[in-house]
Each structure stands twice: as structure tokens, then as C-alpha cells.
Amino acid sequence: MSPAQDSSGPGLPAPVELGDLLEPFARRGVDLGLERIRAALAEAGDPQRRFAAVQVAGTNGKGSICTMLHAILRAAGLHCGTYRSPHLVSWCERIRIDEAWIAPDTLRADLARWQAVGRRHALTPFELLTAAAFDRFAREALDLVVLEVGLGGRLDATTAHPERLVLGFGAIGLDHCEQLGDSLAAIATEKAGVLSPGSLAFSAAQEPEVAEVLEREAQRREARLEWVEALPPTSDGGPMLGLAGDWQRRNGAVAAAMASALAGQGWPIGAEAIDRGLASARWPGRLERRHWRGRPLLLDGAHNPPAAAALRRELDQLARQEPSVGGGRRWLLGIQRHKQAPDLVDALLACGDRAAIVPIPDHASWSLADLLASRPQLAGRLEAVADPAAGLAWLAAPGPLPVVAGSLHLLGAVIPLLAAADSAPFEQ
């Protein structure tokens, strides 16, 4: 698949208001731990024990692995679900059952049913949502559920599921250092906490420091860890992928290995289903082409330095295929305040590129002044815009394919604007 291939992706569900059922995440902050959710689930009859699950951890790529694995399971005819985070435009994106997002009324009813239990056990918003999702999956009598770790792994609410015998790891890098530690080894140790005795885990190549930790923790926790090679390109006989980007060859290899391991445990998943699932997988906001008022642009969350470096490599490859146009690439960047914005900008911007810095609605964000204080050499190449709509207008100048990046929350604010805009073809 060529870089940034056009993809319709799954239609995103409409936003659902949950302010009366979920307290704002920012009010509670991150409060990792398993005691609260385990106690709440036990009081509710342990719904998580009524469905089988696999789990995916990592810093980058875990959502893509989950997406591809879900598509494989569906291609095999399994009645399956996926629980993921964060969402782009609607809370309903976090719970998928077969081909459908959870319905807004169902999600609200599920959360309402869990309010009293949640208060008794002081569940965090993420724990409450996870408990309600486990309950929904049990009520749907699913064959298998794919669980994406929210943060870390060892103390993440999804790890409350007692039997996750097949596991996957996306690329592990520096992110959420304030909760997980300020070194690759510390972060990898937290993410390796999903390993348990008898479990089988798969990972593509990792940084040496990360690989050492995963090997050590697998041995200590009596788990098996297998390393997989990235899927070969289609030109060399590799499978087609529905998700664009060379890095998806690594993620696809992990998803395929997890599916093969499930087949080895007796699940009816054949090689044809794996190939069809990899080809049919769609996931918005990951190297995705869209249009605004007929003008093409590219969306990618790229919210930490490793993801930014991967996006830059894809754009360098894309540049060799773009028609010759004057000027550098334009970027619309919104970066949360706790992220490593200077390093992100360093990784993303090539010589001659310019960026508009936009505040992310409802999130503390890096400002133009803050960025220039750290990177004064970028004066004249960075400017501020008031909001995402103004940023989209700023991207409309002639030049290479413009990009919106820096945060999935920014994409969540931009996508509704794109959907509302005129999408008639634009001719340069």
C-alpha cells in the first residue's frame, strides 16, 4: 500500500453527552490501580469472567493492532468486541461489537446502571467506563474481546480481566512519563505488567533497552515472548493492509501472530481470514487522507516523538511521489501541555515547513510563545491561530499536502469541521 492511501474508514458515531454520568477526567487525574475496579466487578458478579479476551499494550500502534485483530476475528466469523481509547469524536468509539459502535442510548444506560457501584468503590472515569464495557461484552455473549490498554499495563483497568492468554505489544517509547517513569526501561516495565503465568505475547522489534526489559519480565512472570518480523511489502508477496503507513507492517505482524496463536488454541481462524482482516481494517485519524472544502489534507495523531518520527518518514517517502510544488509543507499542530512539544516539532518539521499552533478545545495546550521560548530558531516559521476552523483555513495555501497532527484530541475537533464542509473535488 502506498503511503497515505485514501481510505473511507469506518463511519464515526455521533457524539454522546456523558457529562452527567462520567466526571471530567481532568478532575480526578490519573489514578492507576486494580483494587477499586476488581472490587466493583466482584460486587457486580464478575462479568469479565463471562467472555474470553486478548490484550494489547504499548506506546504507539496498539490501537492499530486492535483494529486489525478485530477485523481478522470478524473475517473468521467470530462474534467479537473491542474496547479502546481514546476516542476522536464520540465516547461510543470506545466500544465496538462486531461491525457496530455501541449505541448512545445503550452506553448511557450501561453507565447509569453502574453509577451506584462506581460511587461505592470510588471508580475513576476510565475504570467506570471499563467496568460498564466488561458488563456490556458479557451481556452480548461475545466469543472474544480485544482489550486495548489505556495507560501503562500493570495497573491499567483492562488488566482486571483475569485470563488474557494472548497478548500483543506495540512500539514502546517515551510518553506519559509523569505516570510511568522517565526512562524507556521504567515505561517498558510498567507495560510488561500485562504478562502473566502461561500467557503468550508477541512483539515486533523494540528499542534494545525495551527488548531487554520485555525478555526479563516475561521470564520472571513465567510468560512466553515471541518476536515477529514486520510483514513484507506487497511487492515481495506480503499481504495488503487496510491501514496506510510502513509502520503498520510491524503492527500487522503482531495482529497476525496473535490471530495465529488463537488458532493454535482452537479458535476457528484460518490464513484466509487473517489476510482478509488485514486488508479490510480501517481506523480513522491514522495517516488518513481527508478533504476540507474540496482541498486534500492528511490527518495523523502523532502525539509523541516516536510517532512524530514515523510520520516524518512517511512524509519523506510521500514527497518523492508528490508533484513538484513551491514552498514547504503546512502543518496545523495542537499539542497537549504535558507532551514533549519541542521534540515533536523537531521531528515533524522539515526545512521550509511552516506550522500554525492551535489550542486544543477543552485541553491545556502548548502556546506559540511557549514553543518559541524553547525553539527560538523557529521564529517566522510558527504562528498562532485561534481555533481549528481558523487553522484549516490557514492550511489552504498552495503547496504540498498539508497535515493536521500533534494530538488525537485535535483530530477529534477537526473531523466534525471536515464533515460539515463542502467536499466537492478541488483542482489545483
Protein backbone atom coordinates (compact mmCIF):
# COMPACT_ATOMS: atom_id res chain seq x y z
CA MET A 1 0.00 0.00 0.00
CA SER A 2 1.33 3.43 -0.87
CA PRO A 3 1.86 5.99 1.89
CA ALA A 4 -1.25 7.87 2.98
CA GLN A 5 -3.59 5.88 0.78
CA ASP A 6 -7.14 7.22 0.63
CA SER A 7 -9.39 5.30 2.98
CA SER A 8 -13.03 5.81 3.78
CA GLY A 9 -12.60 4.23 7.18
CA PRO A 10 -15.47 3.25 9.44
CA GLY A 11 -18.04 5.99 9.83
CA LEU A 12 -17.64 7.62 13.22
CA PRO A 13 -20.63 7.64 15.56
CA ALA A 14 -22.33 10.85 16.60
CA PRO A 15 -21.14 12.50 19.83
CA VAL A 16 -22.96 11.45 23.01
CA GLU A 17 -23.20 13.61 26.12
CA LEU A 18 -21.97 11.78 29.22
CA GLY A 19 -21.24 14.73 31.49
CA ASP A 20 -23.92 13.62 33.96
CA LEU A 21 -22.54 10.06 34.09
CA LEU A 22 -18.75 10.48 33.87
CA GLU A 23 -16.90 13.09 35.89
CA PRO A 24 -14.32 15.02 33.84
CA PHE A 25 -11.10 13.06 33.50
CA ALA A 26 -9.10 16.16 34.40
CA ARG A 27 -10.84 16.48 37.77
CA ARG A 28 -9.68 13.07 39.05
CA GLY A 29 -6.43 12.92 37.14
CA VAL A 30 -4.61 9.65 36.51
CA ASP A 31 -5.08 7.25 39.42
CA LEU A 32 -3.80 3.85 38.37
CA GLY A 33 -4.64 0.70 40.32
CA LEU A 34 -6.64 -2.51 40.16
CA GLU A 35 -8.11 -2.77 43.66
CA ARG A 36 -11.09 -0.49 43.03
CA ILE A 37 -12.23 -1.98 39.74
CA ARG A 38 -11.72 -5.56 40.91
CA ALA A 39 -13.88 -4.91 43.96
CA ALA A 40 -16.56 -3.22 41.83
CA LEU A 41 -16.60 -6.05 39.30
CA ALA A 42 -16.84 -8.62 42.10
CA GLU A 43 -19.86 -6.83 43.56
CA ALA A 44 -21.49 -6.91 40.10
CA GLY A 45 -20.94 -10.64 39.66
CA ASP A 46 -17.62 -10.54 37.80
CA PRO A 47 -18.92 -10.02 34.25
CA GLN A 48 -15.34 -10.08 32.94
CA ARG A 49 -15.25 -13.82 33.69
CA ARG A 50 -18.00 -14.48 31.14
CA PHE A 51 -16.01 -13.71 27.98
CA ALA A 52 -12.57 -14.56 26.64
CA ALA A 53 -10.13 -11.72 25.96
CA VAL A 54 -6.81 -10.77 24.46
CA GLN A 55 -4.94 -7.59 25.35
CA VAL A 56 -2.65 -5.14 23.54
CA ALA A 57 -0.23 -2.77 25.29
CA GLY A 58 2.39 -0.31 24.05
CA THR A 59 3.00 3.37 23.40
CA ASN A 60 2.27 3.61 19.67
CA GLY A 61 0.39 1.23 17.40
CA LYS A 62 -1.70 -0.60 19.98
CA GLY A 63 -4.94 0.83 18.59
CA SER A 64 -3.94 -0.24 15.08
CA ILE A 65 -3.10 -3.75 16.28
CA CYS A 66 -6.51 -3.97 17.97
CA THR A 67 -8.22 -2.72 14.82
CA MET A 68 -6.51 -5.28 12.60
CA LEU A 69 -7.09 -8.12 15.03
CA HIS A 70 -10.79 -7.23 15.34
CA ALA A 71 -11.08 -7.26 11.54
CA ILE A 72 -9.40 -10.68 11.42
CA LEU A 73 -11.78 -12.08 14.04
CA ARG A 74 -14.76 -10.77 12.08
CA ALA A 75 -13.39 -12.23 8.84
CA ALA A 76 -13.24 -15.56 10.67
CA GLY A 77 -16.92 -15.23 11.58
CA LEU A 78 -16.39 -14.68 15.31
CA HIS A 79 -18.84 -12.66 17.43
CA CYS A 80 -16.33 -10.23 18.91
CA GLY A 81 -15.86 -6.88 20.56
CA THR A 82 -13.10 -4.33 21.03
CA TYR A 83 -12.53 -1.86 23.86
CA ARG A 84 -10.18 1.01 23.05
CA SER A 85 -9.18 4.54 23.98
CA PRO A 86 -9.09 7.41 23.46
CA HIS A 87 -11.91 8.38 21.10
CA LEU A 88 -11.93 11.03 18.38
CA VAL A 89 -15.45 12.49 18.32
CA SER A 90 -17.69 10.17 20.37
CA TRP A 91 -17.45 8.07 23.51
CA CYS A 92 -19.22 5.36 21.51
CA GLU A 93 -16.00 4.73 19.56
CA ARG A 94 -14.54 3.06 22.64
CA ILE A 95 -16.82 0.03 22.47
CA ARG A 96 -17.28 -1.89 19.23
CA ILE A 97 -19.36 -5.03 18.86
CA ASP A 98 -18.93 -6.86 15.57
CA GLU A 99 -19.38 -4.14 12.91
CA ALA A 100 -21.18 -1.60 15.10
CA TRP A 101 -20.23 1.04 17.64
CA ILE A 102 -22.19 0.83 20.85
CA ALA A 103 -25.43 2.83 20.54
CA PRO A 104 -25.56 6.11 22.52
CA ASP A 105 -28.68 5.06 24.43
CA THR A 106 -27.10 1.72 25.31
CA LEU A 107 -23.90 3.36 26.55
CA ARG A 108 -25.84 5.83 28.68
CA ALA A 109 -28.00 3.06 30.13
CA ASP A 110 -24.94 0.93 30.92
CA LEU A 111 -23.17 3.80 32.69
CA ALA A 112 -26.34 4.71 34.59
CA ARG A 113 -26.64 1.13 35.84
CA TRP A 114 -23.06 1.31 37.17
CA GLN A 115 -23.35 4.67 38.96
CA ALA A 116 -24.05 3.32 42.46
CA VAL A 117 -21.33 0.65 42.27
CA GLY A 118 -18.91 3.21 40.89
CA ARG A 119 -19.55 5.60 43.77
CA ARG A 120 -19.21 2.88 46.40
CA HIS A 121 -15.79 1.92 45.06
CA ALA A 122 -14.64 5.43 44.04
CA LEU A 123 -14.00 4.34 40.46
CA THR A 124 -12.16 6.73 38.18
CA PRO A 125 -13.96 7.70 34.94
CA PHE A 126 -11.83 5.24 32.97
CA GLU A 127 -12.47 2.46 35.49
CA LEU A 128 -16.22 3.13 35.41
CA LEU A 129 -16.25 3.04 31.61
CA THR A 130 -14.15 -0.15 31.59
CA ALA A 131 -16.46 -1.89 34.08
CA ALA A 132 -19.51 -0.90 32.04
CA ALA A 133 -17.80 -2.17 28.87
CA PHE A 134 -16.98 -5.51 30.51
CA ASP A 135 -20.62 -5.80 31.56
CA ARG A 136 -21.83 -4.99 28.03
CA PHE A 137 -19.49 -7.58 26.47
CA ALA A 138 -20.80 -10.20 28.91
CA ARG A 139 -24.42 -9.31 28.13
CA GLU A 140 -23.72 -9.65 24.39
CA ALA A 141 -22.33 -13.18 24.93
CA LEU A 142 -19.31 -12.44 22.74
CA ASP A 143 -16.89 -15.12 21.64
CA LEU A 144 -13.82 -12.96 22.17
CA VAL A 145 -12.93 -9.39 23.13
CA VAL A 146 -9.85 -7.34 22.18
CA LEU A 147 -8.76 -5.03 25.00
CA GLU A 148 -6.53 -2.03 24.35
CA VAL A 149 -4.60 -0.89 27.41
CA GLY A 150 -5.43 2.69 28.33
CA LEU A 151 -2.25 3.69 30.17
CA GLY A 152 0.73 1.57 31.17
CA GLY A 153 -0.41 -2.01 31.65
CA ARG A 154 0.43 -3.36 35.09
CA LEU A 155 -2.19 -1.19 36.82
CA ASP A 156 -4.48 -0.43 33.88
CA ALA A 157 -8.17 -1.18 34.36
CA THR A 158 -8.25 -3.56 31.36
CA THR A 159 -5.78 -5.80 33.19
CA ALA A 160 -8.61 -6.62 35.62
CA HIS A 161 -9.68 -9.25 33.10
CA PRO A 162 -8.35 -12.46 34.67
CA GLU A 163 -7.40 -14.51 31.60
CA ARG A 164 -5.61 -12.72 28.79
CA LEU A 165 -3.67 -15.66 27.42
CA VAL A 166 -2.64 -13.97 24.15
CA LEU A 167 -1.02 -10.54 24.34
CA GLY A 168 0.49 -8.05 21.90
CA PHE A 169 2.90 -5.16 22.27
CA GLY A 170 3.01 -2.10 20.05
CA ALA A 171 6.14 0.04 19.89
CA ILE A 172 7.16 1.23 23.37
CA GLY A 173 8.61 4.73 23.69
CA LEU A 174 8.74 7.76 25.95
CA ASP A 175 5.26 9.03 26.73
CA HIS A 176 3.19 9.61 29.88
CA CYS A 177 6.48 9.87 31.75
CA GLU A 178 4.77 11.59 34.68
CA GLN A 179 2.85 8.38 35.41
CA LEU A 180 5.07 5.61 34.06
CA GLY A 181 8.64 6.79 34.65
CA ASP A 182 11.21 8.90 32.84
CA SER A 183 13.18 6.13 31.13
CA LEU A 184 12.43 3.54 28.49
CA ALA A 185 13.22 0.79 30.99
CA ALA A 186 10.76 2.12 33.56
CA ILE A 187 7.99 2.56 30.98
CA ALA A 188 8.62 -0.88 29.48
CA THR A 189 8.45 -2.45 32.95
CA GLU A 190 5.01 -0.93 33.53
CA LYS A 191 3.76 -2.11 30.14
CA ALA A 192 5.24 -5.58 30.65
CA GLY A 193 2.99 -5.84 33.70
CA VAL A 194 0.27 -7.30 31.45
CA LEU A 195 2.30 -10.52 31.26
CA SER A 196 1.07 -13.35 33.48
CA PRO A 197 1.99 -17.00 34.04
CA GLY A 198 1.18 -19.07 30.96
CA SER A 199 0.46 -16.10 28.71
CA LEU A 200 1.87 -15.84 25.19
CA ALA A 201 2.96 -12.40 23.99
CA PHE A 202 4.09 -11.09 20.62
CA SER A 203 6.10 -8.02 19.73
CA ALA A 204 7.81 -6.62 16.69
CA ALA A 205 11.31 -5.19 17.12
CA GLN A 206 11.71 -2.77 20.03
CA GLU A 207 14.49 -0.48 21.19
CA PRO A 208 17.27 -2.60 22.80
CA GLU A 209 16.52 -1.25 26.27
CA VAL A 210 12.84 -2.11 25.86
CA ALA A 211 13.55 -5.57 24.42
CA GLU A 212 15.79 -6.38 27.40
CA VAL A 213 13.02 -5.46 29.84
CA LEU A 214 10.35 -7.45 27.99
CA GLU A 215 12.58 -10.52 27.87
CA ARG A 216 13.40 -10.22 31.57
CA GLU A 217 9.81 -9.65 32.65
CA ALA A 218 8.49 -12.50 30.51
CA GLN A 219 10.92 -14.88 32.20
CA ARG A 220 10.17 -13.51 35.67
CA ARG A 221 6.42 -13.74 35.15
CA GLU A 222 6.58 -17.21 33.55
CA ALA A 223 5.19 -15.97 30.24
CA ARG A 224 6.37 -16.64 26.69
CA LEU A 225 7.51 -13.76 24.50
CA GLU A 226 7.93 -14.23 20.76
CA TRP A 227 9.46 -11.68 18.39
CA VAL A 228 7.90 -11.23 14.96
CA GLU A 229 9.31 -9.72 11.80
CA ALA A 230 7.43 -6.93 10.04
CA LEU A 231 5.19 -8.18 7.25
CA PRO A 232 6.91 -7.97 3.86
CA PRO A 233 5.63 -5.38 1.38
CA THR A 234 3.05 -6.47 -1.15
CA SER A 235 5.72 -6.24 -3.85
CA ASP A 236 7.51 -9.07 -2.06
CA GLY A 237 4.41 -11.17 -1.55
CA GLY A 238 3.21 -9.62 1.69
CA PRO A 239 -0.48 -9.11 2.44
CA MET A 240 -2.44 -5.99 1.61
CA LEU A 241 -3.12 -3.72 4.58
CA GLY A 242 -6.16 -1.53 5.02
CA LEU A 243 -4.16 0.87 7.22
CA ALA A 244 -1.61 3.09 5.49
CA GLY A 245 1.99 3.55 6.56
CA ASP A 246 5.10 1.39 6.58
CA TRP A 247 4.92 1.11 10.37
CA GLN A 248 1.64 -0.78 10.01
CA ARG A 249 3.67 -3.71 8.66
CA ARG A 250 5.02 -4.13 12.21
CA ASN A 251 1.59 -3.76 13.77
CA GLY A 252 0.06 -6.12 11.24
CA ALA A 253 2.68 -8.74 12.05
CA VAL A 254 1.72 -8.60 15.74
CA ALA A 255 -2.01 -8.82 14.94
CA ALA A 256 -1.44 -11.76 12.59
CA ALA A 257 0.73 -13.57 15.15
CA MET A 258 -1.91 -13.11 17.84
CA ALA A 259 -4.57 -14.48 15.50
CA SER A 260 -2.39 -17.49 14.63
CA ALA A 261 -1.81 -18.15 18.33
CA LEU A 262 -5.57 -18.09 18.90
CA ALA A 263 -5.96 -20.55 16.02
CA GLY A 264 -3.45 -22.79 17.77
CA GLN A 265 -5.66 -22.70 20.86
CA GLY A 266 -8.64 -23.94 18.88
CA TRP A 267 -10.28 -20.74 17.65
CA PRO A 268 -11.50 -21.12 14.03
CA ILE A 269 -9.18 -18.58 12.41
CA GLY A 270 -7.59 -19.54 9.11
CA ALA A 271 -4.90 -17.93 6.98
CA GLU A 272 -7.51 -16.57 4.57
CA ALA A 273 -9.32 -14.78 7.42
CA ILE A 274 -6.03 -13.23 8.54
CA ASP A 275 -5.33 -11.86 5.06
CA ARG A 276 -8.89 -10.59 4.60
CA GLY A 277 -8.90 -8.98 8.02
CA LEU A 278 -5.59 -7.18 7.46
CA ALA A 279 -6.86 -5.85 4.14
CA SER A 280 -10.26 -4.71 5.45
CA ALA A 281 -9.11 -2.97 8.64
CA ARG A 282 -9.92 0.74 8.84
CA TRP A 283 -9.19 3.22 11.63
CA PRO A 284 -9.70 7.00 11.35
CA GLY A 285 -7.03 9.54 12.16
CA ARG A 286 -4.02 7.37 11.36
CA LEU A 287 -2.26 8.63 8.23
CA GLU A 288 -5.71 9.31 6.82
CA ARG A 289 -6.49 11.45 3.81
CA ARG A 290 -9.49 13.74 4.13
CA HIS A 291 -10.80 16.86 2.39
CA TRP A 292 -11.77 20.29 3.63
CA ARG A 293 -13.88 22.31 1.18
CA GLY A 294 -12.58 20.06 -1.56
CA ARG A 295 -8.91 20.52 -0.62
CA PRO A 296 -6.96 17.38 0.34
CA LEU A 297 -5.19 17.14 3.68
CA LEU A 298 -3.69 14.44 5.88
CA LEU A 299 -4.66 13.57 9.46
CA ASP A 300 -2.42 11.75 11.92
CA GLY A 301 -2.49 11.85 15.73
CA ALA A 302 1.35 11.75 16.12
CA HIS A 303 1.29 12.88 19.76
CA ASN A 304 4.75 11.78 20.94
CA PRO A 305 8.26 11.89 19.46
CA PRO A 306 8.40 8.25 18.20
CA ALA A 307 5.06 8.67 16.41
CA ALA A 308 6.21 12.00 15.02
CA ALA A 309 9.41 10.45 13.67
CA ALA A 310 7.38 7.69 11.98
CA LEU A 311 5.07 10.26 10.39
CA ARG A 312 8.06 12.26 9.15
CA ARG A 313 9.48 9.16 7.46
CA GLU A 314 6.16 8.54 5.71
CA LEU A 315 6.01 12.14 4.51
CA ASP A 316 9.57 11.97 3.20
CA GLN A 317 8.52 8.94 1.18
CA LEU A 318 5.34 10.69 0.05
CA ALA A 319 7.32 13.75 -1.05
CA ARG A 320 9.04 11.67 -3.70
CA GLN A 321 5.62 10.94 -5.23
CA GLU A 322 4.07 14.40 -4.95
CA PRO A 323 4.04 16.72 -7.95
CA SER A 324 6.60 19.48 -7.78
CA VAL A 325 5.02 22.41 -5.92
CA GLY A 326 6.56 25.53 -4.49
CA GLY A 327 7.02 26.17 -0.78
CA GLY A 328 7.25 23.91 2.23
CA ARG A 329 4.53 21.83 3.79
CA ARG A 330 1.98 23.49 6.06
CA TRP A 331 1.05 21.93 9.41
CA LEU A 332 -1.77 22.52 11.87
CA LEU A 333 -0.43 21.43 15.25
CA GLY A 334 -2.23 21.19 18.57
CA ILE A 335 -0.19 19.64 21.40
CA GLN A 336 -1.31 18.95 24.95
CA ARG A 337 0.65 20.77 27.64
CA HIS A 338 2.05 17.60 29.23
CA LYS A 339 3.52 16.37 25.93
CA GLN A 340 7.08 16.93 24.67
CA ALA A 341 6.10 19.61 22.18
CA PRO A 342 9.60 20.92 21.28
CA ASP A 343 10.77 17.39 20.45
CA LEU A 344 7.57 16.77 18.49
CA VAL A 345 8.08 19.87 16.37
CA ASP A 346 11.73 18.97 15.80
CA ALA A 347 10.69 15.57 14.47
CA LEU A 348 7.80 16.79 12.32
CA LEU A 349 9.00 19.92 10.54
CA ALA A 350 11.36 19.61 7.59
CA CYS A 351 13.36 22.50 6.23
CA GLY A 352 10.97 25.08 4.80
CA ASP A 353 7.88 23.71 6.56
CA ARG A 354 5.63 26.09 8.49
CA ALA A 355 3.14 25.37 11.27
CA ALA A 356 0.12 27.01 12.82
CA ILE A 357 -0.16 26.32 16.55
CA VAL A 358 -3.73 25.93 17.76
CA PRO A 359 -5.15 25.39 21.26
CA ILE A 360 -6.97 22.07 21.62
CA PRO A 361 -10.54 22.68 22.80
CA ASP A 362 -11.04 21.73 26.47
CA HIS A 363 -7.40 20.72 26.96
CA ALA A 364 -4.37 22.58 28.30
CA SER A 365 -2.15 23.10 25.27
CA TRP A 366 1.23 24.43 24.24
CA SER A 367 1.08 28.03 23.03
CA LEU A 368 3.14 29.69 20.34
CA ALA A 369 5.01 31.69 22.98
CA ASP A 370 5.89 28.54 24.94
CA LEU A 371 7.19 26.79 21.84
CA LEU A 372 9.25 29.75 20.68
CA ALA A 373 10.78 30.04 24.14
CA SER A 374 12.12 26.51 23.67
CA ARG A 375 12.81 26.78 19.93
CA PRO A 376 13.60 30.44 19.14
CA GLN A 377 15.17 29.37 15.84
CA LEU A 378 11.66 28.63 14.56
CA ALA A 379 10.55 32.27 14.76
CA GLY A 380 8.96 33.16 11.44
CA ARG A 381 8.01 29.54 10.75
CA LEU A 382 5.46 29.18 13.52
CA GLU A 383 2.36 31.27 14.07
CA ALA A 384 -0.75 31.09 16.22
CA VAL A 385 -4.33 30.53 15.12
CA ALA A 386 -7.34 30.98 17.37
CA ASP A 387 -9.16 27.71 16.75
CA PRO A 388 -9.24 24.62 14.49
CA ALA A 389 -11.50 26.30 11.92
CA ALA A 390 -9.02 29.15 11.51
CA GLY A 391 -6.23 26.59 11.29
CA LEU A 392 -7.95 24.73 8.46
CA ALA A 393 -8.33 27.99 6.55
CA TRP A 394 -4.61 28.68 7.09
CA LEU A 395 -3.73 25.28 5.57
CA ALA A 396 -5.43 26.17 2.28
CA ALA A 397 -2.39 27.86 0.69
CA PRO A 398 -0.86 26.12 -2.36
CA GLY A 399 1.89 23.64 -1.58
CA PRO A 400 2.48 20.01 -0.64
CA LEU A 401 -0.25 18.01 1.08
CA PRO A 402 -0.93 19.81 4.41
CA VAL A 403 -1.06 17.86 7.68
CA VAL A 404 -3.07 18.08 10.90
CA ALA A 405 -1.20 16.40 13.76
CA GLY A 406 0.01 16.59 17.34
CA SER A 407 -2.96 15.13 19.22
CA LEU A 408 -5.89 12.81 18.70
CA HIS A 409 -7.94 15.36 20.63
CA LEU A 410 -7.13 17.92 17.92
CA LEU A 411 -8.29 15.46 15.27
CA GLY A 412 -11.47 14.99 17.26
CA ALA A 413 -12.11 18.73 17.00
CA VAL A 414 -11.18 18.92 13.30
CA ILE A 415 -13.09 15.91 11.92
CA PRO A 416 -16.58 17.37 12.55
CA LEU A 417 -15.49 20.53 10.71
CA LEU A 418 -14.40 18.43 7.75
CA ALA A 419 -17.68 16.54 7.72
CA ALA A 420 -19.62 19.81 7.67
CA ALA A 421 -17.54 21.41 4.92
CA ASP A 422 -18.07 21.20 1.18
CA SER A 423 -16.30 18.06 -0.08
CA ALA A 424 -16.52 18.76 -3.81
CA PRO A 425 -13.34 17.88 -5.71
CA PHE A 426 -10.69 20.59 -5.63
CA GLU A 427 -8.47 21.20 -8.63
CA GLN A 428 -5.05 22.78 -8.11
